[in-house]
Amino acid sequence: MKKIMTVIILFMSTMLVAQVPEDLTEQVNKEVLSELSGTWYIFSNTKPFEQLGILTLIDDGLISDGSNIIIKESDISEDYDIWWSAKDNTGFDVIKRKKGAQNQVIIQHVQCIVSDKDKKKINKSYYEYLSKIGYLESNNKEMGILIVTKDENFANSEITKNLKSKWAKLNKNSVKDHIDFYKSLSDDELKRDVYKSLFELVDKKILKVLVKEYPKYKNHFNKPLQVGEQSYDKLYRFFTVSIAGINPDNDYKIESSITANRNNLSVFDIKWKYAQDVVFEIEPSKNYVRLVNVLKDGDTVEGWPLAIHILFPAFTEYPDIDHIDYKLLDSVK
């Protein structure tokens, strides 16, 4: 199991690194610092097992808080030193002092052991793990108590269990909920499951949009498209880009429509508005629909049967996660 969120937080967040001032290095209990140094995982107390960030302590007093949960951005200044220190292994302090001054301020104390007296502060969901966790009382009143642990196996297993629980409860009929949850993940196995479920749902929603807009042709959308003797995706899949895709920057969508063919009543036309208009002339059959002609700007594309398979991905390829038109797709139930 990968270290959950480590890469994301360290590289996508502002990371503060600070060091013990030179005049205090001799006061540091290096044995204790060595014991407490490493990666500490920070969890919500009110939302059990929801990871909020990662704090990294280095045994020379260096500290990095990529998520700015313990060390706030307002604490960061070239005029101040910030470091961590500990007298024993029961807890550690994050300390701030103005350069050149003698007075120092403890901006955060992290208690590495939960005493019987303090147990009542901890969410009951953590009670069976008290030997693995510590806590801090955040300066941010909205956060309140935060849970910390240095136990990587515990952190990763509980994060995974929490995410799987959220996944089990997720509204599987919501494209938006799928997208939001997918973006929150770093676990590759779970991401694959969510991705598969998302685009299975996208397929269903595309079909529903088509049936709602074009009920006359609803019996044909689930039939494979055939060119000559070769079968391809089902017809509804050729609306993937136009229905499921959108440019979030300007709401641009490729337009598509279905109309009766003016020259042959047994054929219907699918029209896409790209830089140039493209029309597929479709002839329905019992078990499939046949592509009988391809037009561009009103004229038949010469030699289209030989090269049409090259064009198909332009219609059937799923959009990127950030380019899914979830508002349209979620408008149909």
Protein backbone atom coordinates (compact mmCIF):
# COMPACT_ATOMS: atom_id res chain seq x y z
CA MET A 1 0.00 0.00 0.00
CA LYS A 2 1.34 3.39 -0.93
CA LYS A 3 1.71 6.08 1.69
CA ILE A 4 -1.68 7.64 1.28
CA MET A 5 -1.64 11.31 0.27
CA THR A 6 2.08 11.79 0.98
CA VAL A 7 3.06 12.72 -2.57
CA ILE A 8 -0.06 14.82 -3.12
CA ILE A 9 0.37 16.86 0.02
CA LEU A 10 4.11 17.39 -0.22
CA PHE A 11 4.06 18.44 -3.86
CA MET A 12 0.69 20.15 -4.29
CA SER A 13 0.61 22.13 -1.04
CA THR A 14 2.79 24.86 0.38
CA MET A 15 5.47 23.10 2.41
CA LEU A 16 7.07 24.80 5.36
CA VAL A 17 10.51 23.64 6.47
CA ALA A 18 12.08 25.13 9.58
CA GLN A 19 15.06 24.33 11.79
CA VAL A 20 16.15 24.62 15.39
CA PRO A 21 18.03 27.91 15.96
CA GLU A 22 21.76 27.36 16.49
CA ASP A 23 21.75 28.65 20.08
CA LEU A 24 19.23 25.98 21.12
CA THR A 25 20.65 22.89 19.44
CA GLU A 26 22.48 21.80 22.59
CA GLN A 27 19.23 21.88 24.58
CA VAL A 28 17.52 19.36 22.33
CA ASN A 29 17.04 15.83 23.66
CA LYS A 30 18.34 14.08 20.55
CA GLU A 31 17.34 10.60 21.73
CA VAL A 32 13.72 11.66 22.14
CA LEU A 33 13.74 13.57 18.86
CA SER A 34 15.01 10.47 17.11
CA GLU A 35 12.17 8.41 18.59
CA LEU A 36 9.46 10.89 17.63
CA SER A 37 10.83 11.93 14.25
CA GLY A 38 9.20 10.67 11.06
CA THR A 39 5.84 10.98 9.38
CA TRP A 40 2.78 11.79 11.48
CA TYR A 41 -0.68 11.37 9.95
CA ILE A 42 -3.37 13.84 10.97
CA PHE A 43 -7.03 12.79 11.13
CA SER A 44 -10.30 14.48 11.90
CA ASN A 45 -11.85 13.72 15.27
CA THR A 46 -15.38 14.73 14.28
CA LYS A 47 -15.22 12.74 11.03
CA PRO A 48 -13.38 9.61 12.16
CA PHE A 49 -10.54 8.36 9.93
CA GLU A 50 -10.82 11.22 7.46
CA GLN A 51 -7.22 12.20 6.79
CA LEU A 52 -6.48 15.91 6.88
CA GLY A 53 -2.76 16.04 6.29
CA ILE A 54 0.75 14.86 7.07
CA LEU A 55 3.36 16.34 9.36
CA THR A 56 7.00 15.39 8.95
CA LEU A 57 9.42 15.69 11.89
CA ILE A 58 13.16 15.32 11.29
CA ASP A 59 15.47 14.41 14.17
CA ASP A 60 17.49 17.63 13.94
CA GLY A 61 14.43 19.78 14.63
CA LEU A 62 13.40 20.33 11.05
CA ILE A 63 9.64 20.26 10.55
CA SER A 64 7.47 20.32 7.45
CA ASP A 65 3.73 20.80 7.38
CA GLY A 66 2.62 20.56 3.76
CA SER A 67 -1.03 21.02 4.64
CA ASN A 68 -0.55 24.04 6.97
CA ILE A 69 -2.77 22.44 9.58
CA ILE A 70 -0.43 22.77 12.56
CA ILE A 71 1.76 25.57 11.27
CA LYS A 72 -0.49 28.23 9.79
CA GLU A 73 0.53 30.39 6.87
CA SER A 74 0.30 33.35 9.23
CA ASP A 75 3.13 31.79 11.30
CA ILE A 76 5.45 31.68 8.31
CA SER A 77 7.86 34.62 8.16
CA GLU A 78 11.50 35.23 7.42
CA ASP A 79 11.64 37.06 10.76
CA TYR A 80 10.82 33.94 12.78
CA ASP A 81 12.35 30.55 13.47
CA ILE A 82 9.95 27.61 13.79
CA TRP A 83 11.02 24.20 15.02
CA TRP A 84 9.85 21.24 17.04
CA SER A 85 11.22 19.85 20.28
CA ALA A 86 10.35 17.37 23.01
CA LYS A 87 11.42 16.64 26.59
CA ASP A 88 10.15 13.06 26.50
CA ASN A 89 8.21 10.74 24.20
CA THR A 90 4.78 11.68 25.55
CA GLY A 91 4.47 14.72 23.29
CA PHE A 92 6.20 17.43 21.33
CA ASP A 93 5.94 21.19 20.91
CA VAL A 94 6.01 23.29 17.78
CA ILE A 95 7.85 26.44 18.77
CA LYS A 96 8.11 29.90 17.23
CA ARG A 97 10.59 32.65 18.09
CA LYS A 98 11.49 35.95 16.49
CA LYS A 99 15.04 35.97 15.22
CA GLY A 100 17.43 37.56 17.71
CA ALA A 101 14.91 37.43 20.56
CA GLN A 102 14.99 35.29 23.70
CA ASN A 103 11.28 34.72 24.25
CA GLN A 104 9.73 31.80 22.42
CA VAL A 105 6.11 30.76 21.98
CA ILE A 106 4.70 27.25 21.81
CA ILE A 107 2.26 27.51 18.91
CA GLN A 108 1.13 23.90 19.18
CA HIS A 109 1.51 21.00 21.59
CA VAL A 110 0.93 17.49 20.30
CA GLN A 111 0.16 14.86 22.90
CA CYS A 112 1.48 11.50 21.67
CA ILE A 113 -0.33 9.46 24.34
CA VAL A 114 -4.02 9.61 25.22
CA SER A 115 -4.42 9.46 29.00
CA ASP A 116 -7.52 8.17 30.77
CA LYS A 117 -8.26 11.77 31.74
CA ASP A 118 -8.15 12.95 28.12
CA LYS A 119 -9.97 9.97 26.64
CA LYS A 120 -13.30 11.81 26.79
CA LYS A 121 -11.95 14.31 24.24
CA ILE A 122 -11.53 11.57 21.65
CA ASN A 123 -14.28 10.34 19.34
CA LYS A 124 -15.42 6.89 20.46
CA SER A 125 -14.66 5.51 16.99
CA TYR A 126 -10.97 5.71 17.95
CA TYR A 127 -11.26 3.98 21.34
CA GLU A 128 -10.01 0.60 20.16
CA TYR A 129 -6.92 2.33 18.71
CA LEU A 130 -5.92 4.47 21.70
CA SER A 131 -2.56 2.75 21.95
CA LYS A 132 -1.74 3.86 18.39
CA ILE A 133 -2.87 7.49 18.44
CA GLY A 134 -2.25 10.85 20.05
CA TYR A 135 -4.08 14.14 19.69
CA LEU A 136 -3.78 17.89 19.63
CA GLU A 137 -6.20 20.65 20.40
CA SER A 138 -6.09 22.74 17.26
CA ASN A 139 -5.79 26.50 17.40
CA ASN A 140 -8.47 26.46 14.72
CA LYS A 141 -11.75 26.27 16.65
CA GLU A 142 -13.53 24.79 13.64
CA MET A 143 -11.14 21.82 13.66
CA GLY A 144 -11.13 21.36 17.43
CA ILE A 145 -9.42 18.14 18.47
CA LEU A 146 -7.26 16.47 15.82
CA ILE A 147 -6.01 12.88 15.93
CA VAL A 148 -2.38 12.08 15.14
CA THR A 149 -0.57 8.79 14.62
CA LYS A 150 2.91 7.70 13.63
CA ASP A 151 1.74 4.17 12.89
CA GLU A 152 1.84 3.97 9.09
CA ASN A 153 0.10 0.59 8.84
CA PHE A 154 -2.74 1.80 11.04
CA ALA A 155 -3.03 5.07 9.10
CA ASN A 156 -3.11 3.44 5.70
CA SER A 157 -5.48 0.63 6.67
CA GLU A 158 -7.93 2.99 8.35
CA ILE A 159 -7.82 5.44 5.45
CA THR A 160 -8.58 2.60 3.07
CA LYS A 161 -11.39 1.26 5.25
CA ASN A 162 -12.87 4.75 5.54
CA LEU A 163 -12.72 5.33 1.79
CA LYS A 164 -14.25 1.92 1.05
CA SER A 165 -17.03 2.72 3.49
CA LYS A 166 -17.64 6.05 1.73
CA TRP A 167 -17.58 4.26 -1.62
CA ALA A 168 -20.17 1.75 -0.41
CA LYS A 169 -22.46 4.61 0.64
CA LEU A 170 -21.88 6.76 -2.44
CA ASN A 171 -24.88 7.61 -4.61
CA LYS A 172 -24.07 5.32 -7.54
CA ASN A 173 -26.61 7.15 -9.73
CA SER A 174 -24.78 10.48 -9.47
CA VAL A 175 -22.06 11.30 -12.00
CA LYS A 176 -21.04 14.35 -9.93
CA ASP A 177 -20.61 12.27 -6.76
CA HIS A 178 -18.47 9.78 -8.67
CA ILE A 179 -16.24 12.55 -10.01
CA ASP A 180 -15.79 14.24 -6.62
CA PHE A 181 -14.95 10.95 -4.93
CA TYR A 182 -12.56 9.89 -7.69
CA LYS A 183 -10.65 13.15 -7.36
CA SER A 184 -10.20 12.60 -3.64
CA LEU A 185 -8.47 9.23 -4.11
CA SER A 186 -4.85 8.24 -4.35
CA ASP A 187 -5.35 4.50 -3.89
CA ASP A 188 -4.94 3.02 -7.37
CA GLU A 189 -7.11 -0.05 -6.81
CA LEU A 190 -10.08 1.94 -5.53
CA LYS A 191 -9.61 4.56 -8.26
CA ARG A 192 -9.92 1.82 -10.89
CA ASP A 193 -13.19 0.62 -9.34
CA VAL A 194 -14.62 4.14 -9.16
CA TYR A 195 -13.46 4.95 -12.70
CA LYS A 196 -15.12 1.82 -14.06
CA SER A 197 -18.35 2.55 -12.20
CA LEU A 198 -18.30 6.20 -13.34
CA PHE A 199 -18.13 5.42 -17.03
CA GLU A 200 -20.62 2.58 -16.79
CA LEU A 201 -22.95 5.20 -15.33
CA VAL A 202 -22.00 7.69 -18.07
CA ASP A 203 -23.00 5.09 -20.67
CA LYS A 204 -26.37 4.58 -18.99
CA LYS A 205 -26.97 8.32 -18.75
CA ILE A 206 -26.08 8.89 -22.41
CA LEU A 207 -28.61 6.26 -23.39
CA LYS A 208 -31.25 7.89 -21.19
CA VAL A 209 -30.57 11.32 -22.68
CA LEU A 210 -30.97 9.91 -26.18
CA VAL A 211 -34.18 8.05 -25.37
CA LYS A 212 -35.61 11.19 -23.79
CA GLU A 213 -34.65 13.43 -26.72
CA TYR A 214 -35.32 10.96 -29.55
CA PRO A 215 -37.93 8.39 -28.43
CA LYS A 216 -38.68 7.55 -32.07
CA TYR A 217 -35.27 5.87 -32.38
CA LYS A 218 -34.99 4.33 -28.90
CA ASN A 219 -35.05 0.75 -30.24
CA HIS A 220 -31.87 1.36 -32.23
CA PHE A 221 -29.52 3.00 -29.72
CA ASN A 222 -28.41 -0.28 -28.17
CA LYS A 223 -27.63 -1.95 -31.49
CA PRO A 224 -24.05 -2.23 -32.77
CA LEU A 225 -23.01 -0.03 -35.66
CA GLN A 226 -21.97 -2.02 -38.69
CA VAL A 227 -19.80 -0.94 -41.61
CA GLY A 228 -19.76 -3.57 -44.33
CA GLU A 229 -19.28 -6.82 -42.42
CA GLN A 230 -17.44 -5.21 -39.49
CA SER A 231 -19.29 -4.42 -36.25
CA TYR A 232 -18.28 -1.60 -33.93
CA ASP A 233 -19.60 0.00 -30.72
CA LYS A 234 -23.29 0.26 -30.00
CA LEU A 235 -24.88 3.30 -31.59
CA TYR A 236 -25.35 5.28 -28.37
CA ARG A 237 -21.59 5.19 -27.78
CA PHE A 238 -21.10 7.45 -30.81
CA PHE A 239 -22.76 10.23 -28.79
CA THR A 240 -20.23 9.97 -25.95
CA VAL A 241 -18.22 13.06 -26.85
CA SER A 242 -21.19 15.24 -27.79
CA ILE A 243 -23.44 14.35 -24.84
CA ALA A 244 -20.99 13.53 -22.05
CA GLY A 245 -18.28 16.04 -22.92
CA ILE A 246 -18.02 19.75 -22.19
CA ASN A 247 -15.31 22.40 -22.02
CA PRO A 248 -15.60 23.65 -18.41
CA ASP A 249 -13.86 26.91 -19.24
CA ASN A 250 -16.53 28.14 -21.64
CA ASP A 251 -19.28 25.47 -21.54
CA TYR A 252 -18.65 24.63 -25.20
CA LYS A 253 -20.20 21.38 -26.38
CA ILE A 254 -20.13 19.59 -29.69
CA GLU A 255 -23.69 19.58 -30.97
CA SER A 256 -25.37 16.41 -32.18
CA SER A 257 -28.85 15.72 -33.54
CA ILE A 258 -30.93 12.96 -35.13
CA THR A 259 -33.30 13.64 -38.01
CA ALA A 260 -35.12 11.66 -40.66
CA ASN A 261 -33.31 11.36 -43.98
CA ARG A 262 -35.05 13.49 -46.63
CA ASN A 263 -34.26 11.10 -49.47
CA ASN A 264 -34.89 7.72 -47.87
CA LEU A 265 -37.55 7.14 -45.21
CA SER A 266 -35.83 3.94 -44.01
CA VAL A 267 -32.69 5.91 -43.11
CA PHE A 268 -32.07 8.48 -40.39
CA ASP A 269 -29.26 11.01 -40.11
CA ILE A 270 -26.96 11.72 -37.19
CA LYS A 271 -25.36 15.12 -37.46
CA TRP A 272 -22.40 16.48 -35.49
CA LYS A 273 -21.31 20.11 -35.61
CA TYR A 274 -17.51 20.16 -35.48
CA ALA A 275 -15.35 22.65 -37.35
CA GLN A 276 -17.06 21.00 -40.32
CA ASP A 277 -20.47 19.37 -40.17
CA VAL A 278 -20.35 15.58 -40.25
CA VAL A 279 -23.38 13.42 -41.02
CA PHE A 280 -23.77 9.66 -40.61
CA GLU A 281 -26.60 8.15 -42.63
CA ILE A 282 -27.89 5.16 -40.67
CA GLU A 283 -30.06 2.29 -41.93
CA PRO A 284 -31.69 0.29 -39.13
CA SER A 285 -31.88 -3.51 -39.18
CA LYS A 286 -33.25 -6.05 -36.71
CA ASN A 287 -30.01 -6.72 -34.81
CA TYR A 288 -27.78 -3.82 -35.83
CA VAL A 289 -27.70 -0.45 -37.55
CA ARG A 290 -25.69 -0.01 -40.72
CA LEU A 291 -23.66 3.06 -41.62
CA VAL A 292 -24.49 3.59 -45.29
CA ASN A 293 -22.94 6.97 -45.97
CA VAL A 294 -20.75 9.68 -44.42
CA LEU A 295 -21.07 13.31 -45.48
CA LYS A 296 -18.95 16.36 -44.72
CA ASP A 297 -20.49 19.74 -45.37
CA GLY A 298 -23.19 18.04 -47.44
CA ASP A 299 -20.92 15.96 -49.70
CA THR A 300 -20.13 12.26 -49.46
CA VAL A 301 -16.62 11.66 -48.14
CA GLU A 302 -14.76 9.78 -50.84
CA GLY A 303 -13.49 6.36 -49.73
CA TRP A 304 -15.09 6.67 -46.29
CA PRO A 305 -15.68 2.90 -45.77
CA LEU A 306 -11.93 2.29 -45.81
CA ALA A 307 -10.97 4.94 -43.27
CA ILE A 308 -14.05 5.51 -41.12
CA HIS A 309 -12.70 3.40 -38.22
CA ILE A 310 -9.97 6.02 -37.77
CA LEU A 311 -12.63 8.67 -37.16
CA PHE A 312 -14.73 6.64 -34.69
CA PRO A 313 -12.70 7.50 -31.52
CA ALA A 314 -13.51 11.17 -32.13
CA PHE A 315 -17.10 10.24 -31.26
CA THR A 316 -16.75 7.37 -28.76
CA GLU A 317 -13.78 8.38 -26.58
CA TYR A 318 -14.68 9.16 -23.00
CA PRO A 319 -13.92 12.75 -21.92
CA ASP A 320 -11.37 13.50 -19.22
CA ILE A 321 -12.73 13.60 -15.68
CA ASP A 322 -12.71 17.43 -15.66
CA HIS A 323 -14.55 17.58 -19.01
CA ILE A 324 -17.61 15.49 -18.14
CA ASP A 325 -20.93 17.32 -18.42
CA TYR A 326 -22.29 15.97 -15.14
CA LYS A 327 -25.04 18.59 -15.03
CA LEU A 328 -26.60 17.26 -18.22
CA LEU A 329 -26.02 13.61 -17.35
CA ASP A 330 -27.41 13.97 -13.82
CA SER A 331 -30.49 15.76 -15.16
CA VAL A 332 -31.84 12.38 -16.28
CA LYS A 333 -32.74 9.81 -13.66
